[in-house]
Every structure is written in structure tokens, then in C-alpha cells.
C-alpha atoms as a PDB file:
ATOM      1  CA  MET A   1      -9.671  -2.962  11.096  1.00  0.00           C
ATOM      2  CA  ILE A   2      -7.444  -0.831  13.201  1.00  0.00           C
ATOM      3  CA  LEU A   3      -4.048  -2.474  12.276  1.00  0.00           C
ATOM      4  CA  PRO A   4      -4.868  -0.857   8.154  1.00  0.00           C
ATOM      5  CA  MET A   5      -5.495   1.995   9.494  1.00  0.00           C
ATOM      6  CA  SER A   6      -2.815   2.317  12.111  1.00  0.00           C
ATOM      7  CA  LEU A   7      -0.278   0.857   9.129  1.00  0.00           C
ATOM      8  CA  PRO A   8       1.069   4.092   7.321  1.00  0.00           C
ATOM      9  CA  GLY A   9       1.647   5.760  10.768  1.00  0.00           C
ATOM     10  CA  ILE A  10       3.805   2.739  12.110  1.00  0.00           C
ATOM     11  CA  LEU A  11       5.756   2.182   8.509  1.00  0.00           C
ATOM     12  CA  THR A  12       5.856   6.823   8.421  1.00  0.00           C
ATOM     13  CA  ALA A  13       7.685   5.911  12.177  1.00  0.00           C
ATOM     14  CA  LEU A  14       9.661   3.110  10.849  1.00  0.00           C
ATOM     15  CA  ARG A  15      10.920   5.108   8.209  1.00  0.00           C
ATOM     16  CA  GLN A  16      11.930   8.149   9.885  1.00  0.00           C
ATOM     17  CA  SER A  17      13.736   6.380  12.650  1.00  0.00           C
ATOM     18  CA  VAL A  18      16.217   4.872  10.320  1.00  0.00           C
ATOM     19  CA  GLY A  19      18.837   7.781  10.502  1.00  0.00           C
ATOM     20  CA  THR A  20      18.411   8.259  14.595  1.00  0.00           C
ATOM     21  CA  ALA A  21      19.075   4.026  14.751  1.00  0.00           C
ATOM     22  CA  VAL A  22      21.933   4.094  12.491  1.00  0.00           C
ATOM     23  CA  ALA A  23      23.940   7.216  14.969  1.00  0.00           C
ATOM     24  CA  VAL A  24      22.877   5.294  17.700  1.00  0.00           C
ATOM     25  CA  LEU A  25      24.303   1.874  16.009  1.00  0.00           C
ATOM     26  CA  TYR A  26      28.057   3.759  15.397  1.00  0.00           C
ATOM     27  CA  ILE A  27      28.215   5.372  19.038  1.00  0.00           C
ATOM     28  CA  THR A  28      27.581   1.624  20.563  1.00  0.00           C
ATOM     29  CA  GLU A  29      29.809   0.073  17.899  1.00  0.00           C
ATOM     30  CA  LEU A  30      31.988   2.816  19.058  1.00  0.00           C
ATOM     31  CA  ILE A  31      31.482   2.938  23.044  1.00  0.00           C
ATOM     32  CA  ALA A  32      31.426  -1.241  23.796  1.00  0.00           C
ATOM     33  CA  THR A  33      32.881  -2.843  21.181  1.00  0.00           C
ATOM     34  CA  GLN A  34      35.988  -3.195  19.592  1.00  0.00           C
ATOM     35  CA  VAL A  35      34.396  -4.741  15.741  1.00  0.00           C
ATOM     36  CA  GLY A  36      31.972  -2.731  13.926  1.00  0.00           C
ATOM     37  CA  LEU A  37      31.119  -0.558  11.292  1.00  0.00           C
ATOM     38  CA  GLY A  38      31.372   2.485  14.333  1.00  0.00           C
ATOM     39  CA  TYR A  39      34.624   0.699  15.589  1.00  0.00           C
ATOM     40  CA  TYR A  40      36.374   0.967  12.003  1.00  0.00           C
ATOM     41  CA  ILE A  41      35.286   4.592  11.595  1.00  0.00           C
ATOM     42  CA  TYR A  42      37.159   5.452  15.053  1.00  0.00           C
ATOM     43  CA  ILE A  43      40.096   3.592  14.522  1.00  0.00           C
ATOM     44  CA  GLN A  44      40.417   4.393  10.902  1.00  0.00           C
ATOM     45  CA  GLY A  45      40.017   8.237  10.925  1.00  0.00           C
ATOM     46  CA  SER A  46      41.516   9.023  14.531  1.00  0.00           C
ATOM     47  CA  THR A  47      44.690   6.628  15.315  1.00  0.00           C
ATOM     48  CA  MET A  48      45.455   5.278  11.915  1.00  0.00           C
ATOM     49  CA  PHE A  49      44.956   8.797  10.346  1.00  0.00           C
ATOM     50  CA  ASN A  50      43.240   6.787   7.207  1.00  0.00           C
ATOM     51  CA  TYR A  51      41.185   8.627   6.422  1.00  0.00           C
ATOM     52  CA  PRO A  52      39.993   7.300   3.034  1.00  0.00           C
ATOM     53  CA  ASN A  53      39.041   4.134   4.589  1.00  0.00           C
ATOM     54  CA  MET A  54      37.920   6.008   7.082  1.00  0.00           C
ATOM     55  CA  PHE A  55      35.611   7.672   4.777  1.00  0.00           C
ATOM     56  CA  ALA A  56      34.532   4.354   2.996  1.00  0.00           C
ATOM     57  CA  GLY A  57      33.400   3.376   6.344  1.00  0.00           C
ATOM     58  CA  VAL A  58      30.962   5.863   6.611  1.00  0.00           C
ATOM     59  CA  VAL A  59      30.210   5.491   3.228  1.00  0.00           C
ATOM     60  CA  MET A  60      28.964   2.264   4.126  1.00  0.00           C
ATOM     61  CA  MET A  61      26.789   3.065   7.329  1.00  0.00           C
ATOM     62  CA  ALA A  62      25.008   5.749   5.035  1.00  0.00           C
ATOM     63  CA  VAL A  63      24.816   3.651   2.138  1.00  0.00           C
ATOM     64  CA  MET A  64      22.716   0.585   4.818  1.00  0.00           C
ATOM     65  CA  GLY A  65      21.229   3.744   6.150  1.00  0.00           C
ATOM     66  CA  LEU A  66      19.196   4.613   2.609  1.00  0.00           C
ATOM     67  CA  GLY A  67      19.071   1.078   1.943  1.00  0.00           C
ATOM     68  CA  LEU A  68      16.562   0.739   5.548  1.00  0.00           C
ATOM     69  CA  TYR A  69      15.082   3.477   4.423  1.00  0.00           C
ATOM     70  CA  LEU A  70      14.497   2.452   0.910  1.00  0.00           C
ATOM     71  CA  MET A  71      13.598  -0.891   2.506  1.00  0.00           C
ATOM     72  CA  ILE A  72      11.141   0.568   4.624  1.00  0.00           C
ATOM     73  CA  ASP A  73      10.072   2.951   2.255  1.00  0.00           C
ATOM     74  CA  ILE A  74       9.019  -0.060  -0.606  1.00  0.00           C
ATOM     75  CA  LEU A  75       7.121  -1.275   2.200  1.00  0.00           C
ATOM     76  CA  GLN A  76       5.056   0.826   2.790  1.00  0.00           C
ATOM     77  CA  ARG A  77       3.851   1.373  -0.800  1.00  0.00           C
ATOM     78  CA  LYS A  78       3.234  -2.286  -0.874  1.00  0.00           C
ATOM     79  CA  LEU A  79       0.696  -2.332   2.193  1.00  0.00           C
ATOM     80  CA  CYS A  80      -0.630   0.784   1.740  1.00  0.00           C
ATOM     81  CA  PRO A  81      -0.995   1.618  -2.137  1.00  0.00           C
ATOM     82  CA  TRP A  82      -4.542   4.397  -0.889  1.00  0.00           C
ATOM     83  CA  GLN A  83      -1.902   6.883   0.176  1.00  0.00           C
ATOM     84  CA  PHE A  84       0.168   6.662  -3.053  1.00  0.00           C
ATOM     85  CA  VAL A  85      -1.323   7.991  -6.339  1.00  0.00           C
ATOM     86  CA  ASP A  86      -0.038   7.473 -10.234  1.00  0.00           C
ATOM     87  CA  ASP A  87       1.448  11.270 -11.735  1.00  0.00           C
ATOM     88  CA  LYS A  88      -1.231   9.828 -14.730  1.00  0.00           C
ATOM     89  CA  ASP A  89      -4.110  10.517 -11.907  1.00  0.00           C
ATOM     90  CA  LEU A  90      -3.200  13.854 -11.703  1.00  0.00           C
ATOM     91  CA  ARG A  91      -2.925  14.806 -15.265  1.00  0.00           C
END
């Protein structure tokens, strides 16, 4: 009984934390490694001045964040259907 009642809050917190997680991933890859998307964006933009490739990396990071956000949203809609109302019911 406790899990079904707390599941919407847990999934909402996960969905909202995706942006922070992607930003932390970028910073971690920028500082701690020499591989990864964060490092690629840094090298392409600040060292090689290859801005089209840098922006491609930024777009890929944004697509990854959006994909994670949408996956959690779909999971919440499947696991917590009582939270969402169809537009048909409002008419």
C-alpha cells in the first residue's frame, strides 16, 4: 500500500532531477576523464574551435536529457494512471 501511494512522488522527483543529472554528467566528464560527451564538447569548443561539432555534442546531450525525461514520464503514466485525466473526460 505504501509503494503505490509514494510512487508518483518518487517518479516526479526522478523526472525533475534529470536536468541536474545531465549537467553533473557533463561537468564530471569535463573534469575527470578524457573520454565522453562532456570532454568532447570541451575539446571541440575551446581547443579546436570547431563550433559545429561542439554544438552537435550539446544537441546530443540535450537529446539524451530529453529522452531520459520522456522515459520517466511514460513510466509514470503507465504505473500511475490515476494521476492523469483524458481530455475526453473533461468535455
